[in-house]
């Protein structure tokens, strides 16, 4: 499945589950993306591995939280008709031209 299909599917699921019954603005959506990253960090800090685990048939774990980050980004992209595929391809192409560690940055 390509990224545009994932965007469409993620956004359609969000709509069908009521997450767009009232309008949400980009700052709220960014905060929700950030919360998923924080959950991934906590899973990493307390988890034994990076694999999927199941609790009451619900997938959990570090990698699942990373998937949630993508789902939130895809939902935002679907709602606001953001061409994430083009942006990603453009940025990857640019990154290929950058110098090693972007001029020796520490992180």
PDB file of N, CA and C in Angstrom:
ATOM      1  N   UNK A   1       0.855  -1.178   0.000  1.00  0.00           N
ATOM      2  CA  UNK A   1       0.000   0.000   0.000  1.00  0.00           C
ATOM      3  C   UNK A   1       0.897   1.236   0.000  1.00  0.00           C
ATOM      4  N   UNK A   2       0.630   2.171  -0.885  1.00  0.00           N
ATOM      5  CA  UNK A   2       1.482   3.363  -0.917  1.00  0.00           C
ATOM      6  C   UNK A   2       0.987   4.412   0.073  1.00  0.00           C
ATOM      7  N   UNK A   3       1.794   5.434   0.270  1.00  0.00           N
ATOM      8  CA  UNK A   3       1.522   6.429   1.304  1.00  0.00           C
ATOM      9  C   UNK A   3       0.183   7.136   1.084  1.00  0.00           C
ATOM     10  N   UNK A   4      -0.203   7.401  -0.162  1.00  0.00           N
ATOM     11  CA  UNK A   4      -1.474   8.069  -0.400  1.00  0.00           C
ATOM     12  C   UNK A   4      -2.649   7.190   0.015  1.00  0.00           C
ATOM     13  N   UNK A   5      -2.540   5.895  -0.187  1.00  0.00           N
ATOM     14  CA  UNK A   5      -3.593   4.976   0.265  1.00  0.00           C
ATOM     15  C   UNK A   5      -3.664   4.937   1.790  1.00  0.00           C
ATOM     16  N   UNK A   6      -2.497   4.959   2.435  1.00  0.00           N
ATOM     17  CA  UNK A   6      -2.463   4.959   3.896  1.00  0.00           C
ATOM     18  C   UNK A   6      -3.058   6.246   4.460  1.00  0.00           C
ATOM     19  N   UNK A   7      -2.795   7.362   3.800  1.00  0.00           N
ATOM     20  CA  UNK A   7      -3.374   8.638   4.214  1.00  0.00           C
ATOM     21  C   UNK A   7      -4.895   8.578   4.102  1.00  0.00           C
ATOM     22  N   UNK A   8      -5.375   8.132   2.963  1.00  0.00           N
ATOM     23  CA  UNK A   8      -6.820   8.054   2.746  1.00  0.00           C
ATOM     24  C   UNK A   8      -7.477   7.101   3.749  1.00  0.00           C
ATOM     25  N   UNK A   9      -6.880   5.941   3.937  1.00  0.00           N
ATOM     26  CA  UNK A   9      -7.446   4.961   4.865  1.00  0.00           C
ATOM     27  C   UNK A   9      -7.444   5.489   6.296  1.00  0.00           C
ATOM     28  N   UNK A  10      -6.335   6.073   6.733  1.00  0.00           N
ATOM     29  CA  UNK A  10      -6.235   6.609   8.091  1.00  0.00           C
ATOM     30  C   UNK A  10      -7.279   7.693   8.328  1.00  0.00           C
ATOM     31  N   UNK A  11      -7.414   8.596   7.376  1.00  0.00           N
ATOM     32  CA  UNK A  11      -8.378   9.691   7.529  1.00  0.00           C
ATOM     33  C   UNK A  11      -9.816   9.170   7.504  1.00  0.00           C
ATOM     34  N   UNK A  12     -10.114   8.241   6.622  1.00  0.00           N
ATOM     35  CA  UNK A  12     -11.467   7.690   6.557  1.00  0.00           C
ATOM     36  C   UNK A  12     -11.846   6.936   7.829  1.00  0.00           C
ATOM     37  N   UNK A  13     -10.906   6.212   8.402  1.00  0.00           N
ATOM     38  CA  UNK A  13     -11.180   5.533   9.675  1.00  0.00           C
ATOM     39  C   UNK A  13     -11.449   6.561  10.765  1.00  0.00           C
ATOM     40  N   UNK A  14     -10.637   7.612  10.815  1.00  0.00           N
ATOM     41  CA  UNK A  14     -10.833   8.663  11.827  1.00  0.00           C
ATOM     42  C   UNK A  14     -12.219   9.298  11.689  1.00  0.00           C
ATOM     43  N   UNK A  15     -12.623   9.554  10.462  1.00  0.00           N
ATOM     44  CA  UNK A  15     -13.963  10.115  10.228  1.00  0.00           C
ATOM     45  C   UNK A  15     -15.027   9.136  10.717  1.00  0.00           C
ATOM     46  N   UNK A  16     -14.887   7.867  10.335  1.00  0.00           N
ATOM     47  CA  UNK A  16     -15.915   6.877  10.677  1.00  0.00           C
ATOM     48  C   UNK A  16     -16.002   6.621  12.177  1.00  0.00           C
ATOM     49  N   UNK A  17     -14.941   6.883  12.910  1.00  0.00           N
ATOM     50  CA  UNK A  17     -14.932   6.665  14.356  1.00  0.00           C
ATOM     51  C   UNK A  17     -15.267   7.931  15.148  1.00  0.00           C
ATOM     52  N   UNK A  18     -15.670   8.987  14.439  1.00  0.00           N
ATOM     53  CA  UNK A  18     -16.162  10.191  15.106  1.00  0.00           C
ATOM     54  C   UNK A  18     -15.130  11.247  15.447  1.00  0.00           C
ATOM     55  N   UNK A  19     -13.880  11.057  15.016  1.00  0.00           N
ATOM     56  CA  UNK A  19     -12.836  12.018  15.388  1.00  0.00           C
ATOM     57  C   UNK A  19     -12.936  13.326  14.626  1.00  0.00           C
ATOM     58  N   UNK A  20     -13.806  13.384  13.637  1.00  0.00           N
ATOM     59  CA  UNK A  20     -14.008  14.631  12.900  1.00  0.00           C
ATOM     60  C   UNK A  20     -15.450  15.113  12.997  1.00  0.00           C
ATOM     61  N   UNK A  21     -16.196  14.666  14.025  1.00  0.00           N
ATOM     62  CA  UNK A  21     -17.558  15.165  14.213  1.00  0.00           C
ATOM     63  C   UNK A  21     -17.550  16.664  14.490  1.00  0.00           C
ATOM     64  N   UNK A  22     -16.493  17.133  15.136  1.00  0.00           N
ATOM     65  CA  UNK A  22     -16.287  18.578  15.278  1.00  0.00           C
ATOM     66  C   UNK A  22     -14.917  18.903  14.695  1.00  0.00           C
ATOM     67  N   UNK A  23     -14.809  20.083  14.153  1.00  0.00           N
ATOM     68  CA  UNK A  23     -13.570  20.498  13.480  1.00  0.00           C
ATOM     69  C   UNK A  23     -12.418  20.548  14.477  1.00  0.00           C
ATOM     70  N   UNK A  24     -11.260  20.106  14.032  1.00  0.00           N
ATOM     71  CA  UNK A  24     -10.046  20.184  14.847  1.00  0.00           C
ATOM     72  C   UNK A  24      -8.991  20.945  14.053  1.00  0.00           C
ATOM     73  N   UNK A  25      -8.276  21.778  14.755  1.00  0.00           N
ATOM     74  CA  UNK A  25      -7.265  22.624  14.125  1.00  0.00           C
ATOM     75  C   UNK A  25      -5.902  21.941  14.162  1.00  0.00           C
ATOM     76  N   UNK A  26      -5.007  22.408  13.313  1.00  0.00           N
ATOM     77  CA  UNK A  26      -3.672  21.825  13.198  1.00  0.00           C
ATOM     78  C   UNK A  26      -2.906  21.832  14.528  1.00  0.00           C
ATOM     79  N   UNK A  27      -2.939  22.892  15.349  1.00  0.00           N
ATOM     80  CA  UNK A  27      -2.199  22.817  16.620  1.00  0.00           C
ATOM     81  C   UNK A  27      -2.646  21.653  17.514  1.00  0.00           C
ATOM     82  N   UNK A  28      -3.951  21.379  17.564  1.00  0.00           N
ATOM     83  CA  UNK A  28      -4.439  20.242  18.343  1.00  0.00           C
ATOM     84  C   UNK A  28      -3.914  18.928  17.763  1.00  0.00           C
ATOM     85  N   UNK A  29      -3.913  18.823  16.454  1.00  0.00           N
ATOM     86  CA  UNK A  29      -3.451  17.595  15.806  1.00  0.00           C
ATOM     87  C   UNK A  29      -1.959  17.378  16.036  1.00  0.00           C
ATOM     88  N   UNK A  30      -1.191  18.452  16.009  1.00  0.00           N
ATOM     89  CA  UNK A  30       0.245  18.345  16.295  1.00  0.00           C
ATOM     90  C   UNK A  30       0.467  17.892  17.735  1.00  0.00           C
ATOM     91  N   UNK A  31      -0.330  18.415  18.670  1.00  0.00           N
ATOM     92  CA  UNK A  31      -0.213  17.985  20.066  1.00  0.00           C
ATOM     93  C   UNK A  31      -0.514  16.490  20.200  1.00  0.00           C
ATOM     94  N   UNK A  32      -1.499  16.003  19.432  1.00  0.00           N
ATOM     95  CA  UNK A  32      -1.826  14.579  19.481  1.00  0.00           C
ATOM     96  C   UNK A  32      -0.700  13.730  18.886  1.00  0.00           C
ATOM     97  N   UNK A  33      -0.065  14.224  17.839  1.00  0.00           N
ATOM     98  CA  UNK A  33       1.104  13.536  17.269  1.00  0.00           C
ATOM     99  C   UNK A  33       2.215  13.467  18.311  1.00  0.00           C
ATOM    100  N   UNK A  34       2.432  14.590  18.965  1.00  0.00           N
ATOM    101  CA  UNK A  34       3.455  14.651  20.009  1.00  0.00           C
ATOM    102  C   UNK A  34       3.140  13.667  21.133  1.00  0.00           C
ATOM    103  N   UNK A  35       1.874  13.557  21.511  1.00  0.00           N
ATOM    104  CA  UNK A  35       1.515  12.633  22.596  1.00  0.00           C
ATOM    105  C   UNK A  35       1.826  11.187  22.210  1.00  0.00           C
ATOM    106  N   UNK A  36       1.642  10.851  20.944  1.00  0.00           N
ATOM    107  CA  UNK A  36       1.980   9.491  20.491  1.00  0.00           C
ATOM    108  C   UNK A  36       3.491   9.262  20.559  1.00  0.00           C
ATOM    109  N   UNK A  37       4.269  10.276  20.231  1.00  0.00           N
ATOM    110  CA  UNK A  37       5.730  10.154  20.361  1.00  0.00           C
ATOM    111  C   UNK A  37       6.136   9.972  21.821  1.00  0.00           C
ATOM    112  N   UNK A  38       5.472  10.694  22.709  1.00  0.00           N
ATOM    113  CA  UNK A  38       5.754  10.532  24.144  1.00  0.00           C
ATOM    114  C   UNK A  38       5.403   9.126  24.614  1.00  0.00           C
ATOM    115  N   UNK A  39       4.299   8.587  24.115  1.00  0.00           N
ATOM    116  CA  UNK A  39       3.928   7.219  24.462  1.00  0.00           C
ATOM    117  C   UNK A  39       4.970   6.229  23.934  1.00  0.00           C
ATOM    118  N   UNK A  40       5.499   6.491  22.753  1.00  0.00           N
ATOM    119  CA  UNK A  40       6.558   5.629  22.205  1.00  0.00           C
ATOM    120  C   UNK A  40       7.796   5.680  23.096  1.00  0.00           C
ATOM    121  N   UNK A  41       8.145   6.864  23.560  1.00  0.00           N
ATOM    122  CA  UNK A  41       9.290   6.998  24.451  1.00  0.00           C
ATOM    123  C   UNK A  41       9.081   6.208  25.734  1.00  0.00           C
ATOM    124  N   UNK A  42       7.899   6.301  26.310  1.00  0.00           N
ATOM    125  CA  UNK A  42       7.625   5.559  27.541  1.00  0.00           C
ATOM    126  C   UNK A  42       7.655   4.050  27.303  1.00  0.00           C
ATOM    127  N   UNK A  43       7.132   3.616  26.165  1.00  0.00           N
ATOM    128  CA  UNK A  43       7.210   2.185  25.836  1.00  0.00           C
ATOM    129  C   UNK A  43       8.665   1.745  25.705  1.00  0.00           C
ATOM    130  N   UNK A  44       9.489   2.583  25.095  1.00  0.00           N
ATOM    131  CA  UNK A  44      10.905   2.251  24.940  1.00  0.00           C
ATOM    132  C   UNK A  44      11.589   2.177  26.309  1.00  0.00           C
ATOM    133  N   UNK A  45      11.277   3.130  27.166  1.00  0.00           N
ATOM    134  CA  UNK A  45      11.924   3.192  28.475  1.00  0.00           C
ATOM    135  C   UNK A  45      11.547   2.017  29.371  1.00  0.00           C
ATOM    136  N   UNK A  46      10.339   1.505  29.208  1.00  0.00           N
ATOM    137  CA  UNK A  46       9.875   0.440  30.092  1.00  0.00           C
ATOM    138  C   UNK A  46       9.781  -0.923  29.411  1.00  0.00           C
ATOM    139  N   UNK A  47       9.897  -0.952  28.085  1.00  0.00           N
ATOM    140  CA  UNK A  47       9.709  -2.200  27.356  1.00  0.00           C
ATOM    141  C   UNK A  47      10.949  -3.058  27.308  1.00  0.00           C
ATOM    142  N   UNK A  48      10.721  -4.323  27.072  1.00  0.00           N
ATOM    143  CA  UNK A  48      11.833  -5.265  26.972  1.00  0.00           C
ATOM    144  C   UNK A  48      12.341  -5.392  25.539  1.00  0.00           C
ATOM    145  N   UNK A  49      11.469  -5.091  24.568  1.00  0.00           N
ATOM    146  CA  UNK A  49      11.886  -5.169  23.176  1.00  0.00           C
ATOM    147  C   UNK A  49      11.057  -4.201  22.346  1.00  0.00           C
ATOM    148  N   UNK A  50      11.307  -4.178  21.062  1.00  0.00           N
ATOM    149  CA  UNK A  50      10.644  -3.226  20.181  1.00  0.00           C
ATOM    150  C   UNK A  50       9.474  -3.853  19.420  1.00  0.00           C
ATOM    151  N   UNK A  51       9.170  -5.103  19.710  1.00  0.00           N
ATOM    152  CA  UNK A  51       8.135  -5.824  18.977  1.00  0.00           C
ATOM    153  C   UNK A  51       6.735  -5.479  19.470  1.00  0.00           C
ATOM    154  N   UNK A  52       5.746  -5.920  18.690  1.00  0.00           N
ATOM    155  CA  UNK A  52       4.343  -5.786  19.077  1.00  0.00           C
ATOM    156  C   UNK A  52       4.042  -6.812  20.161  1.00  0.00           C
ATOM    157  N   UNK A  53       3.323  -6.378  21.175  1.00  0.00           N
ATOM    158  CA  UNK A  53       2.777  -7.302  22.163  1.00  0.00           C
ATOM    159  C   UNK A  53       1.270  -7.046  22.221  1.00  0.00           C
ATOM    160  N   UNK A  54       0.550  -7.982  22.795  1.00  0.00           N
ATOM    161  CA  UNK A  54      -0.908  -7.853  22.859  1.00  0.00           C
ATOM    162  C   UNK A  54      -1.370  -7.863  24.299  1.00  0.00           C
ATOM    163  N   UNK A  55      -2.251  -6.929  24.622  1.00  0.00           N
ATOM    164  CA  UNK A  55      -2.909  -6.885  25.927  1.00  0.00           C
ATOM    165  C   UNK A  55      -4.400  -6.840  25.657  1.00  0.00           C
ATOM    166  N   UNK A  56      -5.112  -7.888  26.060  1.00  0.00           N
ATOM    167  CA  UNK A  56      -6.551  -8.007  25.781  1.00  0.00           C
ATOM    168  C   UNK A  56      -6.853  -7.848  24.294  1.00  0.00           C
ATOM    169  N   UNK A  57      -6.054  -8.499  23.477  1.00  0.00           N
ATOM    170  CA  UNK A  57      -6.186  -8.484  22.008  1.00  0.00           C
ATOM    171  C   UNK A  57      -5.879  -7.141  21.369  1.00  0.00           C
ATOM    172  N   UNK A  58      -5.399  -6.175  22.139  1.00  0.00           N
ATOM    173  CA  UNK A  58      -5.037  -4.861  21.601  1.00  0.00           C
ATOM    174  C   UNK A  58      -3.526  -4.814  21.394  1.00  0.00           C
ATOM    175  N   UNK A  59      -3.073  -4.459  20.173  1.00  0.00           N
ATOM    176  CA  UNK A  59      -1.624  -4.341  19.966  1.00  0.00           C
ATOM    177  C   UNK A  59      -1.055  -3.177  20.770  1.00  0.00           C
ATOM    178  N   UNK A  60       0.063  -3.426  21.400  1.00  0.00           N
ATOM    179  CA  UNK A  60       0.746  -2.433  22.237  1.00  0.00           C
ATOM    180  C   UNK A  60       2.236  -2.485  21.955  1.00  0.00           C
ATOM    181  N   UNK A  61       2.968  -1.505  22.461  1.00  0.00           N
ATOM    182  CA  UNK A  61       4.419  -1.504  22.380  1.00  0.00           C
ATOM    183  C   UNK A  61       4.986  -0.328  21.611  1.00  0.00           C
ATOM    184  N   UNK A  62       6.291  -0.237  21.657  1.00  0.00           N
ATOM    185  CA  UNK A  62       7.028   0.864  21.031  1.00  0.00           C
ATOM    186  C   UNK A  62       6.653   1.042  19.566  1.00  0.00           C
ATOM    187  N   UNK A  63       6.734  -0.039  18.784  1.00  0.00           N
ATOM    188  CA  UNK A  63       6.485   0.052  17.354  1.00  0.00           C
ATOM    189  C   UNK A  63       5.021   0.420  17.068  1.00  0.00           C
ATOM    190  N   UNK A  64       4.107  -0.003  17.923  1.00  0.00           N
ATOM    191  CA  UNK A  64       2.693   0.345  17.752  1.00  0.00           C
ATOM    192  C   UNK A  64       2.492   1.845  17.972  1.00  0.00           C
ATOM    193  N   UNK A  65       3.197   2.399  18.945  1.00  0.00           N
ATOM    194  CA  UNK A  65       3.100   3.854  19.174  1.00  0.00           C
ATOM    195  C   UNK A  65       3.686   4.625  17.993  1.00  0.00           C
ATOM    196  N   UNK A  66       4.758   4.109  17.394  1.00  0.00           N
ATOM    197  CA  UNK A  66       5.283   4.749  16.182  1.00  0.00           C
ATOM    198  C   UNK A  66       4.250   4.689  15.060  1.00  0.00           C
ATOM    199  N   UNK A  67       3.552   3.565  14.955  1.00  0.00           N
ATOM    200  CA  UNK A  67       2.481   3.460  13.961  1.00  0.00           C
ATOM    201  C   UNK A  67       1.395   4.492  14.246  1.00  0.00           C
ATOM    202  N   UNK A  68       1.072   4.706  15.522  1.00  0.00           N
ATOM    203  CA  UNK A  68       0.077   5.720  15.881  1.00  0.00           C
ATOM    204  C   UNK A  68       0.519   7.119  15.453  1.00  0.00           C
ATOM    205  N   UNK A  69       1.820   7.399  15.558  1.00  0.00           N
ATOM    206  CA  UNK A  69       2.348   8.687  15.078  1.00  0.00           C
ATOM    207  C   UNK A  69       2.039   8.848  13.597  1.00  0.00           C
ATOM    208  N   UNK A  70       2.337   7.813  12.824  1.00  0.00           N
ATOM    209  CA  UNK A  70       2.085   7.872  11.384  1.00  0.00           C
ATOM    210  C   UNK A  70       0.596   8.013  11.085  1.00  0.00           C
ATOM    211  N   UNK A  71      -0.235   7.261  11.805  1.00  0.00           N
ATOM    212  CA  UNK A  71      -1.680   7.348  11.589  1.00  0.00           C
ATOM    213  C   UNK A  71      -2.170   8.765  11.847  1.00  0.00           C
ATOM    214  N   UNK A  72      -1.693   9.391  12.907  1.00  0.00           N
ATOM    215  CA  UNK A  72      -2.091  10.778  13.211  1.00  0.00           C
ATOM    216  C   UNK A  72      -1.608  11.734  12.107  1.00  0.00           C
ATOM    217  N   UNK A  73      -0.377  11.558  11.652  1.00  0.00           N
ATOM    218  CA  UNK A  73       0.148  12.405  10.572  1.00  0.00           C
ATOM    219  C   UNK A  73      -0.648  12.184   9.297  1.00  0.00           C
ATOM    220  N   UNK A  74      -0.966  10.932   8.992  1.00  0.00           N
ATOM    221  CA  UNK A  74      -1.738  10.630   7.795  1.00  0.00           C
ATOM    222  C   UNK A  74      -3.149  11.216   7.890  1.00  0.00           C
ATOM    223  N   UNK A  75      -3.760  11.153   9.066  1.00  0.00           N
ATOM    224  CA  UNK A  75      -5.093  11.726   9.257  1.00  0.00           C
ATOM    225  C   UNK A  75      -5.060  13.233   9.006  1.00  0.00           C
ATOM    226  N   UNK A  76      -4.097  13.911   9.605  1.00  0.00           N
ATOM    227  CA  UNK A  76      -3.924  15.355   9.386  1.00  0.00           C
ATOM    228  C   UNK A  76      -3.735  15.650   7.896  1.00  0.00           C
ATOM    229  N   UNK A  77      -2.885  14.867   7.257  1.00  0.00           N
ATOM    230  CA  UNK A  77      -2.604  15.062   5.831  1.00  0.00           C
ATOM    231  C   UNK A  77      -3.855  14.850   4.986  1.00  0.00           C
ATOM    232  N   UNK A  78      -4.649  13.865   5.346  1.00  0.00           N
ATOM    233  CA  UNK A  78      -5.883  13.607   4.616  1.00  0.00           C
ATOM    234  C   UNK A  78      -6.891  14.724   4.781  1.00  0.00           C
ATOM    235  N   UNK A  79      -7.035  15.199   6.001  1.00  0.00           N
ATOM    236  CA  UNK A  79      -7.999  16.275   6.272  1.00  0.00           C
ATOM    237  C   UNK A  79      -7.644  17.549   5.518  1.00  0.00           C
ATOM    238  N   UNK A  80      -6.385  17.916   5.565  1.00  0.00           N
ATOM    239  CA  UNK A  80      -5.956  19.195   4.997  1.00  0.00           C
ATOM    240  C   UNK A  80      -5.379  19.060   3.586  1.00  0.00           C
ATOM    241  N   UNK A  81      -5.573  17.889   2.967  1.00  0.00           N
ATOM    242  CA  UNK A  81      -5.155  17.654   1.574  1.00  0.00           C
ATOM    243  C   UNK A  81      -3.683  17.987   1.360  1.00  0.00           C
ATOM    244  N   UNK A  82      -2.858  17.555   2.303  1.00  0.00           N
ATOM    245  CA  UNK A  82      -1.418  17.779   2.240  1.00  0.00           C
ATOM    246  C   UNK A  82      -0.797  16.674   1.389  1.00  0.00           C
ATOM    247  N   UNK A  83       0.007  17.048   0.431  1.00  0.00           N
ATOM    248  CA  UNK A  83       0.681  16.065  -0.419  1.00  0.00           C
ATOM    249  C   UNK A  83       1.954  15.603   0.298  1.00  0.00           C
ATOM    250  N   UNK A  84       1.753  14.727   1.260  1.00  0.00           N
ATOM    251  CA  UNK A  84       2.857  14.249   2.089  1.00  0.00           C
ATOM    252  C   UNK A  84       3.857  13.443   1.274  1.00  0.00           C
ATOM    253  N   UNK A  85       3.374  12.689   0.308  1.00  0.00           N
ATOM    254  CA  UNK A  85       4.271  11.901  -0.549  1.00  0.00           C
ATOM    255  C   UNK A  85       5.246  12.814  -1.280  1.00  0.00           C
ATOM    256  N   UNK A  86       4.746  13.886  -1.867  1.00  0.00           N
ATOM    257  CA  UNK A  86       5.609  14.826  -2.586  1.00  0.00           C
ATOM    258  C   UNK A  86       6.588  15.496  -1.626  1.00  0.00           C
ATOM    259  N   UNK A  87       6.094  15.892  -0.452  1.00  0.00           N
ATOM    260  CA  UNK A  87       6.967  16.544   0.532  1.00  0.00           C
ATOM    261  C   UNK A  87       8.066  15.601   0.988  1.00  0.00           C
ATOM    262  N   UNK A  88       7.721  14.351   1.221  1.00  0.00           N
ATOM    263  CA  UNK A  88       8.704  13.363   1.655  1.00  0.00           C
ATOM    264  C   UNK A  88       9.750  13.115   0.570  1.00  0.00           C
ATOM    265  N   UNK A  89       9.300  12.935  -0.656  1.00  0.00           N
ATOM    266  CA  UNK A  89      10.235  12.730  -1.765  1.00  0.00           C
ATOM    267  C   UNK A  89      11.142  13.945  -1.950  1.00  0.00           C
ATOM    268  N   UNK A  90      10.570  15.150  -1.836  1.00  0.00           N
ATOM    269  CA  UNK A  90      11.350  16.384  -1.978  1.00  0.00           C
ATOM    270  C   UNK A  90      12.407  16.490  -0.887  1.00  0.00           C
ATOM    271  N   UNK A  91      12.011  16.211   0.350  1.00  0.00           N
ATOM    272  CA  UNK A  91      12.938  16.327   1.474  1.00  0.00           C
ATOM    273  C   UNK A  91      14.033  15.262   1.416  1.00  0.00           C
ATOM    274  N   UNK A  92      13.669  14.032   1.033  1.00  0.00           N
ATOM    275  CA  UNK A  92      14.690  12.987   0.908  1.00  0.00           C
ATOM    276  C   UNK A  92      15.712  13.342  -0.169  1.00  0.00           C
ATOM    277  N   UNK A  93      15.229  13.875  -1.273  1.00  0.00           N
ATOM    278  CA  UNK A  93      16.132  14.293  -2.357  1.00  0.00           C
ATOM    279  C   UNK A  93      17.083  15.383  -1.859  1.00  0.00           C
ATOM    280  N   UNK A  94      16.539  16.351  -1.123  1.00  0.00           N
ATOM    281  CA  UNK A  94      17.380  17.417  -0.569  1.00  0.00           C
ATOM    282  C   UNK A  94      18.391  16.845   0.427  1.00  0.00           C
ATOM    283  N   UNK A  95      17.938  15.935   1.306  1.00  0.00           N
ATOM    284  CA  UNK A  95      18.839  15.362   2.313  1.00  0.00           C
ATOM    285  C   UNK A  95      20.029  14.644   1.683  1.00  0.00           C
ATOM    286  N   UNK A  96      19.838  14.093   0.500  1.00  0.00           N
ATOM    287  CA  UNK A  96      20.949  13.443  -0.190  1.00  0.00           C
ATOM    288  C   UNK A  96      22.062  14.429  -0.533  1.00  0.00           C
ATOM    289  N   UNK A  97      21.744  15.706  -0.637  1.00  0.00           N
ATOM    290  CA  UNK A  97      22.730  16.726  -1.005  1.00  0.00           C
ATOM    291  C   UNK A  97      23.442  17.324   0.204  1.00  0.00           C
ATOM    292  N   UNK A  98      22.962  17.014   1.389  1.00  0.00           N
ATOM    293  CA  UNK A  98      23.526  17.652   2.587  1.00  0.00           C
ATOM    294  C   UNK A  98      24.870  17.033   2.941  1.00  0.00           C
ATOM    295  N   UNK A  99      25.688  17.816   3.609  1.00  0.00           N
ATOM    296  CA  UNK A  99      26.984  17.304   4.024  1.00  0.00           C
ATOM    297  C   UNK A  99      26.835  16.368   5.224  1.00  0.00           C
ATOM    298  N   UNK A 100      27.881  15.636   5.492  1.00  0.00           N
ATOM    299  CA  UNK A 100      27.901  14.668   6.584  1.00  0.00           C
ATOM    300  C   UNK A 100      27.509  15.342   7.894  1.00  0.00           C
ATOM    301  N   UNK A 101      26.537  14.745   8.584  1.00  0.00           N
ATOM    302  CA  UNK A 101      26.014  15.253   9.872  1.00  0.00           C
ATOM    303  C   UNK A 101      25.633  16.737   9.774  1.00  0.00           C
ATOM    304  N   UNK A 102      25.270  17.163   8.590  1.00  0.00           N
ATOM    305  CA  UNK A 102      24.808  18.542   8.355  1.00  0.00           C
ATOM    306  C   UNK A 102      25.794  19.564   8.909  1.00  0.00           C
ATOM    307  N   UNK A 103      27.056  19.336   8.692  1.00  0.00           N
ATOM    308  CA  UNK A 103      28.085  20.261   9.168  1.00  0.00           C
ATOM    309  C   UNK A 103      28.586  19.911  10.553  1.00  0.00           C
ATOM    310  N   UNK A 104      28.533  18.635  10.893  1.00  0.00           N
ATOM    311  CA  UNK A 104      29.055  18.098  12.142  1.00  0.00           C
ATOM    312  C   UNK A 104      28.200  18.474  13.365  1.00  0.00           C
ATOM    313  N   UNK A 105      26.891  18.525  13.186  1.00  0.00           N
ATOM    314  CA  UNK A 105      25.997  18.751  14.321  1.00  0.00           C
ATOM    315  C   UNK A 105      26.060  17.560  15.257  1.00  0.00           C
ATOM    316  N   UNK A 106      25.786  17.788  16.527  1.00  0.00           N
ATOM    317  CA  UNK A 106      25.869  16.727  17.541  1.00  0.00           C
ATOM    318  C   UNK A 106      24.678  15.788  17.497  1.00  0.00           C
ATOM    319  N   UNK A 107      23.511  16.278  17.133  1.00  0.00           N
ATOM    320  CA  UNK A 107      22.322  15.397  17.100  1.00  0.00           C
ATOM    321  C   UNK A 107      21.393  15.833  15.997  1.00  0.00           C
TER     322      UNK A 107
END
